[in-house]
Amino acid sequence: MIEISENAAQQIQKMLAKNGLEGGGLRVGVKAGGCSGFSYVFAWEPEPRPDDEVFSGHGARVFVDARSLRVLTGTVLDYDTSLISRGFIFNNPNAKSTCGCGVSFSV
C-alpha cells in the first residue's frame, strides 16, 4: 500500500493536466543506483501497465510495478511546497538510510 498525501495529489493532478494526461497517473518505482543503493524514479503515464498495482488518493493515481512495490510498501508520497526544496518526498518505512539528496536510499 502506498498513501498519497493531499499535497502530492494536487501536484500529480496539476502535472498530468500540464502534460495532457488527465486521467493518467504518476509511475513511481525504484532502481539500483544512487549514492545509497536505490533511487526513486518517476514517469507520467496515461494508464497503468497490466502488472501494476494502482493506488489512489485525493483524486490522484500512482502506478507501481511489483518489483518496486516490495521496497515501497507502507510509503507515504508527499509533496514539499516550501520555497527551498520543492518536490516529491517519500516517507518510506523500509529505507534504513537516505542520502542528502533525498532520492537515494538503502534497505
N, C-alpha and C. Protein backbone atom coordinates (compact mmCIF):
# COMPACT_ATOMS: atom_id res chain seq x y z
N MET A 1 0.83 -1.18 0.00
CA MET A 1 0.00 0.00 0.00
C MET A 1 0.87 1.24 0.00
N ILE A 2 0.52 2.19 -0.84
CA ILE A 2 1.18 3.49 -0.87
C ILE A 2 0.10 4.54 -0.64
N GLU A 3 0.37 5.43 0.29
CA GLU A 3 -0.56 6.50 0.61
C GLU A 3 -0.14 7.77 -0.13
N ILE A 4 -1.10 8.50 -0.66
CA ILE A 4 -0.85 9.74 -1.38
C ILE A 4 -1.39 10.89 -0.55
N SER A 5 -0.52 11.81 -0.15
CA SER A 5 -0.98 12.95 0.63
C SER A 5 -1.79 13.90 -0.26
N GLU A 6 -2.52 14.78 0.38
CA GLU A 6 -3.31 15.76 -0.38
C GLU A 6 -2.41 16.67 -1.21
N ASN A 7 -1.28 17.11 -0.65
CA ASN A 7 -0.33 17.96 -1.40
C ASN A 7 0.20 17.22 -2.63
N ALA A 8 0.57 15.94 -2.45
CA ALA A 8 1.08 15.16 -3.58
C ALA A 8 0.00 14.98 -4.63
N ALA A 9 -1.22 14.71 -4.21
CA ALA A 9 -2.32 14.51 -5.16
C ALA A 9 -2.57 15.76 -5.98
N GLN A 10 -2.54 16.92 -5.34
CA GLN A 10 -2.73 18.17 -6.06
C GLN A 10 -1.65 18.38 -7.11
N GLN A 11 -0.40 18.08 -6.75
CA GLN A 11 0.70 18.25 -7.70
C GLN A 11 0.62 17.24 -8.84
N ILE A 12 0.23 16.00 -8.53
CA ILE A 12 0.08 14.98 -9.57
C ILE A 12 -0.98 15.42 -10.57
N GLN A 13 -2.12 15.87 -10.08
CA GLN A 13 -3.20 16.31 -10.97
C GLN A 13 -2.77 17.51 -11.81
N LYS A 14 -2.06 18.44 -11.19
CA LYS A 14 -1.57 19.63 -11.91
C LYS A 14 -0.62 19.24 -13.04
N MET A 15 0.33 18.34 -12.75
CA MET A 15 1.32 17.94 -13.75
C MET A 15 0.70 17.08 -14.84
N LEU A 16 -0.26 16.23 -14.49
CA LEU A 16 -0.94 15.45 -15.52
C LEU A 16 -1.68 16.36 -16.49
N ALA A 17 -2.35 17.38 -15.97
CA ALA A 17 -3.06 18.33 -16.82
C ALA A 17 -2.07 19.09 -17.71
N LYS A 18 -0.96 19.50 -17.13
CA LYS A 18 0.07 20.23 -17.89
C LYS A 18 0.62 19.39 -19.04
N ASN A 19 0.73 18.08 -18.82
CA ASN A 19 1.26 17.16 -19.83
C ASN A 19 0.18 16.55 -20.72
N GLY A 20 -1.06 17.00 -20.57
CA GLY A 20 -2.16 16.48 -21.39
C GLY A 20 -2.52 15.04 -21.08
N LEU A 21 -2.34 14.63 -19.82
CA LEU A 21 -2.59 13.24 -19.44
C LEU A 21 -3.67 13.12 -18.37
N GLU A 22 -4.70 13.98 -18.46
CA GLU A 22 -5.79 13.88 -17.48
C GLU A 22 -6.30 12.45 -17.45
N GLY A 23 -6.54 11.93 -16.26
CA GLY A 23 -6.99 10.56 -16.12
C GLY A 23 -5.84 9.57 -15.99
N GLY A 24 -4.63 10.03 -16.21
CA GLY A 24 -3.45 9.17 -16.10
C GLY A 24 -2.96 9.11 -14.66
N GLY A 25 -1.67 8.87 -14.51
CA GLY A 25 -1.12 8.78 -13.17
C GLY A 25 0.38 8.95 -13.16
N LEU A 26 0.91 8.96 -11.97
CA LEU A 26 2.35 9.07 -11.77
C LEU A 26 2.91 7.68 -11.53
N ARG A 27 3.84 7.24 -12.39
CA ARG A 27 4.54 5.98 -12.16
C ARG A 27 5.66 6.26 -11.17
N VAL A 28 5.69 5.46 -10.10
CA VAL A 28 6.72 5.55 -9.09
C VAL A 28 7.41 4.20 -9.01
N GLY A 29 8.72 4.22 -8.97
CA GLY A 29 9.46 2.97 -8.87
C GLY A 29 10.82 3.19 -8.25
N VAL A 30 11.57 2.12 -8.15
CA VAL A 30 12.94 2.20 -7.65
C VAL A 30 13.86 1.50 -8.64
N LYS A 31 15.08 1.96 -8.68
CA LYS A 31 16.10 1.30 -9.50
C LYS A 31 17.39 1.24 -8.70
N ALA A 32 18.21 0.27 -9.01
CA ALA A 32 19.51 0.16 -8.36
C ALA A 32 20.35 1.34 -8.79
N GLY A 33 21.05 1.92 -7.83
CA GLY A 33 21.90 3.06 -8.14
C GLY A 33 21.74 4.15 -7.10
N GLY A 34 22.34 5.26 -7.38
CA GLY A 34 22.32 6.35 -6.41
C GLY A 34 23.41 6.14 -5.38
N CYS A 35 23.61 7.12 -4.55
CA CYS A 35 24.71 7.03 -3.59
C CYS A 35 24.43 6.12 -2.41
N SER A 36 23.15 5.69 -2.23
CA SER A 36 22.83 4.81 -1.10
C SER A 36 22.38 3.41 -1.51
N GLY A 37 22.32 3.11 -2.80
CA GLY A 37 21.96 1.76 -3.24
C GLY A 37 20.75 1.71 -4.15
N PHE A 38 19.70 2.47 -3.82
CA PHE A 38 18.50 2.54 -4.65
C PHE A 38 18.14 4.00 -4.86
N SER A 39 17.48 4.28 -5.95
CA SER A 39 16.95 5.63 -6.16
C SER A 39 15.52 5.54 -6.68
N TYR A 40 14.76 6.56 -6.38
CA TYR A 40 13.38 6.63 -6.83
C TYR A 40 13.33 7.11 -8.27
N VAL A 41 12.37 6.59 -9.03
CA VAL A 41 12.16 7.04 -10.41
C VAL A 41 10.70 7.42 -10.58
N PHE A 42 10.46 8.38 -11.48
CA PHE A 42 9.12 8.89 -11.75
C PHE A 42 8.88 8.93 -13.25
N ALA A 43 7.64 8.79 -13.65
CA ALA A 43 7.24 8.99 -15.05
C ALA A 43 5.75 9.31 -15.07
N TRP A 44 5.35 10.18 -15.97
CA TRP A 44 3.93 10.49 -16.15
C TRP A 44 3.39 9.56 -17.23
N GLU A 45 2.31 8.84 -16.92
CA GLU A 45 1.80 7.84 -17.86
C GLU A 45 0.28 7.95 -18.00
N PRO A 46 -0.23 7.66 -19.19
CA PRO A 46 -1.67 7.77 -19.42
C PRO A 46 -2.50 6.69 -18.74
N GLU A 47 -1.89 5.53 -18.50
CA GLU A 47 -2.62 4.43 -17.86
C GLU A 47 -1.62 3.44 -17.26
N PRO A 48 -2.08 2.61 -16.31
CA PRO A 48 -1.17 1.62 -15.72
C PRO A 48 -0.85 0.50 -16.70
N ARG A 49 0.27 -0.15 -16.45
CA ARG A 49 0.64 -1.35 -17.21
C ARG A 49 -0.13 -2.53 -16.62
N PRO A 50 -0.24 -3.63 -17.37
CA PRO A 50 -1.06 -4.77 -16.90
C PRO A 50 -0.69 -5.32 -15.53
N ASP A 51 0.59 -5.32 -15.17
CA ASP A 51 1.01 -5.91 -13.90
C ASP A 51 1.19 -4.88 -12.78
N ASP A 52 0.80 -3.64 -13.00
CA ASP A 52 0.96 -2.60 -11.99
C ASP A 52 -0.06 -2.72 -10.87
N GLU A 53 0.34 -2.27 -9.70
CA GLU A 53 -0.59 -2.00 -8.61
C GLU A 53 -0.94 -0.52 -8.75
N VAL A 54 -2.21 -0.19 -8.58
CA VAL A 54 -2.66 1.19 -8.69
C VAL A 54 -3.16 1.65 -7.34
N PHE A 55 -2.61 2.78 -6.87
CA PHE A 55 -3.01 3.36 -5.60
C PHE A 55 -3.65 4.72 -5.87
N SER A 56 -4.76 4.98 -5.20
CA SER A 56 -5.49 6.23 -5.40
C SER A 56 -5.64 6.98 -4.09
N GLY A 57 -5.66 8.29 -4.20
CA GLY A 57 -5.90 9.11 -3.03
C GLY A 57 -6.11 10.54 -3.42
N HIS A 58 -7.14 11.16 -2.88
CA HIS A 58 -7.45 12.57 -3.13
C HIS A 58 -7.57 12.88 -4.62
N GLY A 59 -8.07 11.91 -5.39
CA GLY A 59 -8.31 12.13 -6.81
C GLY A 59 -7.11 11.88 -7.72
N ALA A 60 -6.00 11.40 -7.16
CA ALA A 60 -4.80 11.12 -7.96
C ALA A 60 -4.50 9.63 -7.93
N ARG A 61 -3.80 9.16 -8.98
CA ARG A 61 -3.40 7.75 -9.05
C ARG A 61 -1.89 7.63 -9.17
N VAL A 62 -1.36 6.58 -8.52
CA VAL A 62 0.06 6.24 -8.59
C VAL A 62 0.15 4.80 -9.06
N PHE A 63 1.02 4.56 -10.06
CA PHE A 63 1.24 3.22 -10.62
C PHE A 63 2.59 2.71 -10.13
N VAL A 64 2.61 1.45 -9.64
CA VAL A 64 3.84 0.86 -9.11
C VAL A 64 3.98 -0.57 -9.62
N ASP A 65 5.16 -0.90 -10.16
CA ASP A 65 5.41 -2.27 -10.60
C ASP A 65 5.68 -3.16 -9.38
N ALA A 66 5.47 -4.46 -9.53
CA ALA A 66 5.57 -5.41 -8.42
C ALA A 66 6.96 -5.42 -7.78
N ARG A 67 8.01 -5.31 -8.57
CA ARG A 67 9.37 -5.33 -8.02
C ARG A 67 9.61 -4.13 -7.12
N SER A 68 9.18 -2.96 -7.57
CA SER A 68 9.36 -1.74 -6.77
C SER A 68 8.49 -1.75 -5.53
N LEU A 69 7.32 -2.35 -5.63
CA LEU A 69 6.39 -2.35 -4.50
C LEU A 69 6.98 -3.03 -3.27
N ARG A 70 7.87 -4.00 -3.50
CA ARG A 70 8.49 -4.69 -2.36
C ARG A 70 9.21 -3.74 -1.42
N VAL A 71 9.82 -2.70 -1.95
CA VAL A 71 10.55 -1.76 -1.10
C VAL A 71 9.78 -0.45 -0.88
N LEU A 72 8.62 -0.31 -1.52
CA LEU A 72 7.82 0.90 -1.34
C LEU A 72 6.58 0.69 -0.47
N THR A 73 6.25 -0.55 -0.11
CA THR A 73 5.06 -0.82 0.70
C THR A 73 5.12 -0.02 2.00
N GLY A 74 4.04 0.67 2.29
CA GLY A 74 3.96 1.48 3.50
C GLY A 74 4.40 2.91 3.31
N THR A 75 4.87 3.26 2.12
CA THR A 75 5.37 4.60 1.85
C THR A 75 4.22 5.60 1.78
N VAL A 76 4.49 6.80 2.29
CA VAL A 76 3.59 7.93 2.11
C VAL A 76 4.27 8.87 1.12
N LEU A 77 3.60 9.11 -0.01
CA LEU A 77 4.11 10.03 -1.02
C LEU A 77 3.56 11.41 -0.70
N ASP A 78 4.46 12.36 -0.47
CA ASP A 78 4.06 13.72 -0.13
C ASP A 78 4.71 14.68 -1.12
N TYR A 79 4.32 15.94 -1.05
CA TYR A 79 4.92 16.95 -1.90
C TYR A 79 5.26 18.15 -1.03
N ASP A 80 6.52 18.54 -1.04
CA ASP A 80 7.01 19.67 -0.25
C ASP A 80 6.76 20.94 -1.04
N THR A 81 6.06 21.88 -0.45
CA THR A 81 5.74 23.12 -1.14
C THR A 81 6.59 24.30 -0.65
N SER A 82 7.62 24.02 0.15
CA SER A 82 8.46 25.12 0.63
C SER A 82 9.28 25.71 -0.51
N LEU A 83 9.69 26.93 -0.34
CA LEU A 83 10.48 27.61 -1.38
C LEU A 83 11.86 27.02 -1.54
N ILE A 84 12.37 26.39 -0.51
CA ILE A 84 13.74 25.87 -0.53
C ILE A 84 13.85 24.53 -1.24
N SER A 85 12.94 23.62 -0.97
CA SER A 85 13.10 22.26 -1.50
C SER A 85 11.81 21.72 -2.09
N ARG A 86 11.27 22.37 -3.07
CA ARG A 86 10.01 21.96 -3.69
C ARG A 86 10.20 20.62 -4.41
N GLY A 87 9.31 19.65 -4.13
CA GLY A 87 9.37 18.37 -4.82
C GLY A 87 8.70 17.25 -4.06
N PHE A 88 8.62 16.08 -4.69
CA PHE A 88 8.02 14.91 -4.06
C PHE A 88 8.94 14.37 -2.97
N ILE A 89 8.32 13.89 -1.90
CA ILE A 89 9.04 13.34 -0.76
C ILE A 89 8.48 11.94 -0.49
N PHE A 90 9.38 10.99 -0.28
CA PHE A 90 8.99 9.63 0.07
C PHE A 90 9.24 9.42 1.56
N ASN A 91 8.18 9.17 2.31
CA ASN A 91 8.32 8.77 3.70
C ASN A 91 8.20 7.25 3.70
N ASN A 92 9.36 6.61 3.47
CA ASN A 92 9.43 5.18 3.24
C ASN A 92 9.91 4.46 4.50
N PRO A 93 9.05 3.68 5.15
CA PRO A 93 9.46 2.99 6.37
C PRO A 93 10.48 1.88 6.13
N ASN A 94 10.67 1.47 4.88
CA ASN A 94 11.64 0.42 4.55
C ASN A 94 13.05 0.95 4.36
N ALA A 95 13.19 2.26 4.22
CA ALA A 95 14.51 2.87 4.00
C ALA A 95 15.29 2.88 5.31
N LYS A 96 16.43 2.21 5.32
CA LYS A 96 17.28 2.18 6.51
C LYS A 96 18.09 3.45 6.63
N SER A 97 18.48 4.01 5.48
CA SER A 97 19.21 5.27 5.46
C SER A 97 18.94 5.95 4.13
N THR A 98 19.10 7.26 4.12
CA THR A 98 18.93 8.04 2.90
C THR A 98 20.13 8.96 2.75
N CYS A 99 20.33 9.42 1.53
CA CYS A 99 21.44 10.35 1.30
C CYS A 99 20.91 11.78 1.42
N GLY A 100 21.76 12.73 1.32
CA GLY A 100 21.38 14.13 1.44
C GLY A 100 20.44 14.61 0.37
N CYS A 101 20.46 14.00 -0.81
CA CYS A 101 19.59 14.46 -1.90
C CYS A 101 18.14 14.04 -1.69
N GLY A 102 17.88 13.02 -0.87
CA GLY A 102 16.54 12.59 -0.58
C GLY A 102 15.93 11.64 -1.59
N VAL A 103 16.64 11.34 -2.67
CA VAL A 103 16.08 10.42 -3.68
C VAL A 103 16.84 9.10 -3.73
N SER A 104 17.82 8.93 -2.88
CA SER A 104 18.60 7.70 -2.83
C SER A 104 18.49 7.12 -1.43
N PHE A 105 18.37 5.79 -1.34
CA PHE A 105 18.18 5.17 -0.04
C PHE A 105 18.71 3.74 -0.04
N SER A 106 18.84 3.17 1.15
CA SER A 106 19.22 1.76 1.28
C SER A 106 18.14 1.05 2.09
N VAL A 107 18.01 -0.26 1.85
CA VAL A 107 17.04 -1.07 2.59
C VAL A 107 17.74 -2.15 3.37
